N, C-alpha and C. Protein backbone atom coordinates (compact mmCIF):
# COMPACT_ATOMS: atom_id res chain seq x y z
N MET A 1 0.82 -1.21 0.04
CA MET A 1 -0.01 0.03 0.08
C MET A 1 0.90 1.28 0.00
N SER A 2 0.67 2.12 -0.91
CA SER A 2 1.48 3.36 -0.93
C SER A 2 0.83 4.30 -0.07
N THR A 3 1.93 5.19 0.47
CA THR A 3 1.35 6.39 1.29
C THR A 3 2.10 7.77 0.89
N SER A 4 1.44 8.75 1.21
CA SER A 4 1.94 10.12 0.97
C SER A 4 2.05 10.86 2.25
N SER A 5 2.86 11.80 2.28
CA SER A 5 2.99 12.68 3.41
C SER A 5 2.47 14.18 3.08
N TYR A 6 1.99 14.70 4.08
CA TYR A 6 1.21 15.98 4.01
C TYR A 6 1.50 16.88 5.32
N ILE A 7 1.27 18.24 5.14
CA ILE A 7 1.32 19.02 6.26
C ILE A 7 -0.15 19.72 6.30
N VAL A 8 -0.82 19.44 7.44
CA VAL A 8 -2.07 19.97 7.55
C VAL A 8 -2.01 21.16 8.56
N THR A 9 -2.49 22.35 8.14
CA THR A 9 -2.40 23.64 8.96
C THR A 9 -3.79 24.13 9.13
N PHE A 10 -3.90 24.50 10.42
CA PHE A 10 -5.30 25.19 10.82
C PHE A 10 -5.19 26.53 10.95
N LYS A 11 -6.31 27.21 10.98
CA LYS A 11 -6.23 28.75 11.28
C LYS A 11 -5.86 29.05 12.56
N LYS A 12 -5.51 30.31 12.78
CA LYS A 12 -4.75 30.75 14.01
C LYS A 12 -5.65 30.34 15.23
N ASN A 13 -6.73 30.70 15.31
CA ASN A 13 -7.63 30.64 16.52
C ASN A 13 -8.49 29.25 16.73
N THR A 14 -7.80 28.28 15.98
CA THR A 14 -8.74 26.88 15.97
C THR A 14 -8.39 26.24 17.53
N PRO A 15 -9.53 25.88 18.17
CA PRO A 15 -9.45 25.37 19.45
C PRO A 15 -8.52 23.97 19.24
N GLN A 16 -7.76 23.72 20.22
CA GLN A 16 -7.15 22.44 20.37
C GLN A 16 -7.92 21.15 20.17
N SER A 17 -9.03 21.24 20.79
CA SER A 17 -10.11 20.19 20.73
C SER A 17 -10.30 19.76 19.33
N GLU A 18 -10.66 20.76 18.52
CA GLU A 18 -11.01 20.57 17.00
C GLU A 18 -9.85 20.01 16.28
N ILE A 19 -8.51 20.46 16.49
CA ILE A 19 -7.41 19.90 15.99
C ILE A 19 -7.09 18.36 16.47
N ASP A 20 -7.42 18.00 17.74
CA ASP A 20 -7.32 16.74 18.23
C ASP A 20 -8.45 15.80 17.59
N GLU A 21 -9.55 16.27 17.31
CA GLU A 21 -10.62 15.59 16.66
C GLU A 21 -10.14 15.26 15.27
N HIS A 22 -9.59 16.16 14.47
CA HIS A 22 -9.18 15.95 13.11
C HIS A 22 -8.09 14.87 13.21
N ILE A 23 -7.20 14.97 14.09
CA ILE A 23 -6.03 14.09 14.07
C ILE A 23 -6.59 12.67 14.23
N LYS A 24 -7.63 12.51 15.20
CA LYS A 24 -8.14 11.24 15.55
C LYS A 24 -8.83 10.59 14.31
N LYS A 25 -9.60 11.47 13.66
CA LYS A 25 -10.17 10.85 12.28
C LYS A 25 -9.11 10.39 11.27
N ALA A 26 -8.11 11.17 11.23
CA ALA A 26 -7.05 10.80 10.26
C ALA A 26 -6.35 9.51 10.67
N GLU A 27 -6.05 9.33 12.11
CA GLU A 27 -5.42 8.12 12.64
C GLU A 27 -6.41 6.91 12.44
N ASP A 28 -7.74 7.21 12.65
CA ASP A 28 -8.70 6.03 12.36
C ASP A 28 -8.73 5.60 11.04
N ALA A 29 -8.31 6.32 10.02
CA ALA A 29 -8.36 6.02 8.72
C ALA A 29 -6.99 5.39 8.25
N GLY A 30 -6.14 5.31 9.08
CA GLY A 30 -4.87 4.52 8.99
C GLY A 30 -3.62 5.65 8.94
N ALA A 31 -3.84 6.82 9.12
CA ALA A 31 -2.73 7.79 9.06
C ALA A 31 -1.77 7.67 10.27
N THR A 32 -0.53 8.08 9.98
CA THR A 32 0.45 8.09 11.10
C THR A 32 0.85 9.51 11.37
N ILE A 33 0.68 10.06 12.35
CA ILE A 33 0.98 11.56 12.63
C ILE A 33 2.67 11.67 13.02
N GLY A 34 3.16 12.46 12.33
CA GLY A 34 4.52 12.64 12.47
C GLY A 34 5.07 13.61 13.51
N HIS A 35 4.65 14.81 13.40
CA HIS A 35 4.94 15.98 14.21
C HIS A 35 3.54 16.81 14.57
N ARG A 36 3.42 17.34 15.59
CA ARG A 36 2.37 18.38 15.96
C ARG A 36 3.08 19.64 16.06
N TYR A 37 2.47 20.76 15.21
CA TYR A 37 3.03 21.95 15.29
C TYR A 37 2.06 22.94 16.15
N THR A 38 2.68 23.53 17.09
CA THR A 38 1.90 24.39 18.09
C THR A 38 2.35 25.62 18.23
N SER A 39 3.55 26.10 17.70
CA SER A 39 4.04 27.50 17.89
C SER A 39 3.78 28.43 16.70
N ALA A 40 4.65 28.42 15.80
CA ALA A 40 4.53 29.34 14.74
C ALA A 40 3.36 29.06 13.97
N ILE A 41 2.91 27.71 13.79
CA ILE A 41 1.76 27.38 13.06
C ILE A 41 1.04 26.26 13.97
N LEU A 42 -0.28 26.08 13.68
CA LEU A 42 -1.08 25.21 14.17
C LEU A 42 -1.32 24.06 13.22
N GLY A 43 -1.08 22.74 13.47
CA GLY A 43 -1.32 21.65 12.55
C GLY A 43 -0.46 20.42 12.92
N TYR A 44 -0.13 19.60 11.96
CA TYR A 44 0.55 18.46 12.08
C TYR A 44 1.07 17.89 10.83
N SER A 45 2.07 16.99 10.70
CA SER A 45 2.52 16.39 9.64
C SER A 45 1.90 14.90 9.58
N VAL A 46 1.78 14.34 8.56
CA VAL A 46 1.03 13.10 8.53
C VAL A 46 1.35 12.24 7.22
N SER A 47 1.61 11.01 7.50
CA SER A 47 1.65 10.07 6.35
C SER A 47 0.38 9.14 6.42
N VAL A 48 -0.21 9.20 5.22
CA VAL A 48 -1.62 8.65 5.08
C VAL A 48 -1.55 7.62 3.79
N PRO A 49 -2.24 6.45 4.03
CA PRO A 49 -2.43 5.70 2.78
C PRO A 49 -3.15 6.34 1.68
N ASP A 50 -2.60 6.23 0.38
CA ASP A 50 -3.22 7.08 -0.75
C ASP A 50 -4.68 6.77 -0.90
N ASP A 51 -5.19 5.73 -0.42
CA ASP A 51 -6.73 5.48 -0.50
C ASP A 51 -7.53 5.98 0.60
N ALA A 52 -6.89 6.75 1.53
CA ALA A 52 -7.56 7.20 2.72
C ALA A 52 -7.30 8.79 2.80
N VAL A 53 -6.71 9.30 1.85
CA VAL A 53 -6.36 10.70 1.91
C VAL A 53 -7.45 11.63 2.20
N ASN A 54 -8.59 11.29 1.68
CA ASN A 54 -9.81 11.99 1.94
C ASN A 54 -10.16 12.31 3.50
N ALA A 55 -9.50 11.44 4.38
CA ALA A 55 -9.83 11.44 5.71
C ALA A 55 -9.18 12.84 6.28
N LEU A 56 -8.11 13.40 5.54
CA LEU A 56 -7.67 14.72 5.97
C LEU A 56 -8.65 15.80 5.87
N ASP A 57 -9.92 15.64 5.19
CA ASP A 57 -10.83 16.57 5.08
C ASP A 57 -10.40 17.98 4.91
N ALA A 58 -9.83 18.39 3.83
CA ALA A 58 -9.32 19.70 3.47
C ALA A 58 -10.44 20.71 3.40
N THR A 59 -11.74 20.23 3.47
CA THR A 59 -12.77 21.24 3.43
C THR A 59 -13.29 21.72 4.85
N HIS A 60 -12.63 21.10 5.82
CA HIS A 60 -13.06 21.50 7.23
C HIS A 60 -12.83 22.97 7.40
N PRO A 61 -13.82 23.73 8.01
CA PRO A 61 -13.87 25.13 8.02
C PRO A 61 -12.62 25.86 8.62
N ASN A 62 -11.93 25.22 9.64
CA ASN A 62 -10.74 25.71 10.31
C ASN A 62 -9.45 25.28 9.57
N ILE A 63 -9.52 24.53 8.60
CA ILE A 63 -8.09 24.30 8.01
C ILE A 63 -7.74 25.38 7.04
N ASP A 64 -6.51 25.86 7.25
CA ASP A 64 -5.86 26.78 6.23
C ASP A 64 -5.60 26.09 4.92
N PHE A 65 -4.86 24.86 5.12
CA PHE A 65 -4.32 24.31 3.80
C PHE A 65 -3.97 22.88 4.26
N VAL A 66 -3.96 22.03 3.21
CA VAL A 66 -3.29 20.63 3.09
C VAL A 66 -2.55 20.64 2.02
N GLU A 67 -1.08 20.38 2.28
CA GLU A 67 -0.20 20.33 1.22
C GLU A 67 0.83 19.31 1.40
N ALA A 68 1.21 18.75 0.16
CA ALA A 68 2.20 17.64 0.09
C ALA A 68 3.45 18.04 0.98
N ASP A 69 3.85 17.32 1.66
CA ASP A 69 5.23 17.50 2.46
C ASP A 69 6.32 17.11 1.56
N GLY A 70 7.34 17.94 1.74
CA GLY A 70 8.58 17.81 0.78
C GLY A 70 9.64 18.60 1.36
N GLU A 71 10.82 18.55 0.62
CA GLU A 71 11.92 19.18 1.06
C GLU A 71 11.92 20.70 0.76
N VAL A 72 12.36 21.52 1.76
CA VAL A 72 12.43 22.93 1.56
C VAL A 72 13.71 23.40 1.86
N THR A 73 14.21 24.18 1.05
CA THR A 73 15.69 24.71 1.23
C THR A 73 15.58 26.40 1.20
N THR A 74 16.55 26.79 1.62
CA THR A 74 16.79 28.34 1.77
C THR A 74 17.76 28.73 0.42
N GLN A 75 18.29 27.73 -0.19
CA GLN A 75 19.12 28.06 -1.40
C GLN A 75 18.51 27.67 -2.65
N GLY A 76 18.27 28.61 -3.37
CA GLY A 76 17.81 28.56 -4.79
C GLY A 76 18.90 28.11 -5.73
N LYS A 77 18.38 27.66 -6.89
CA LYS A 77 19.17 27.42 -7.88
C LYS A 77 19.32 28.68 -8.93
N ALA A 78 20.48 28.93 -9.25
CA ALA A 78 20.78 30.23 -10.15
C ALA A 78 20.05 29.92 -11.48
N LEU A 79 19.13 30.85 -11.90
CA LEU A 79 18.53 30.79 -13.19
C LEU A 79 19.21 31.37 -14.19
N LEU A 80 20.02 32.46 -13.93
CA LEU A 80 20.80 33.06 -14.94
C LEU A 80 22.29 32.67 -14.84
N THR A 81 23.00 32.62 -15.85
CA THR A 81 24.48 32.31 -15.74
C THR A 81 25.14 33.49 -16.48
N LYS A 82 26.33 33.75 -16.21
CA LYS A 82 27.17 34.81 -16.75
C LYS A 82 27.91 34.33 -17.89
């Protein structure tokens, strides 16, 4: 079974109880929570089976976004050469 990783981010004033409920639904669908974010952003990282990705419920009114997790760098590639 194939899995994908995502970052789920909630709106600033979302109650922790709603975040916990969302996490529980994802876990019940077979997802594995990687990290909970509680400082700069509210949310969590998750690995979820591809056939259960809808359990992340991106339409939830308190979700800012659900995006694929991936490598982020501070170094860009040079687009122009001299």
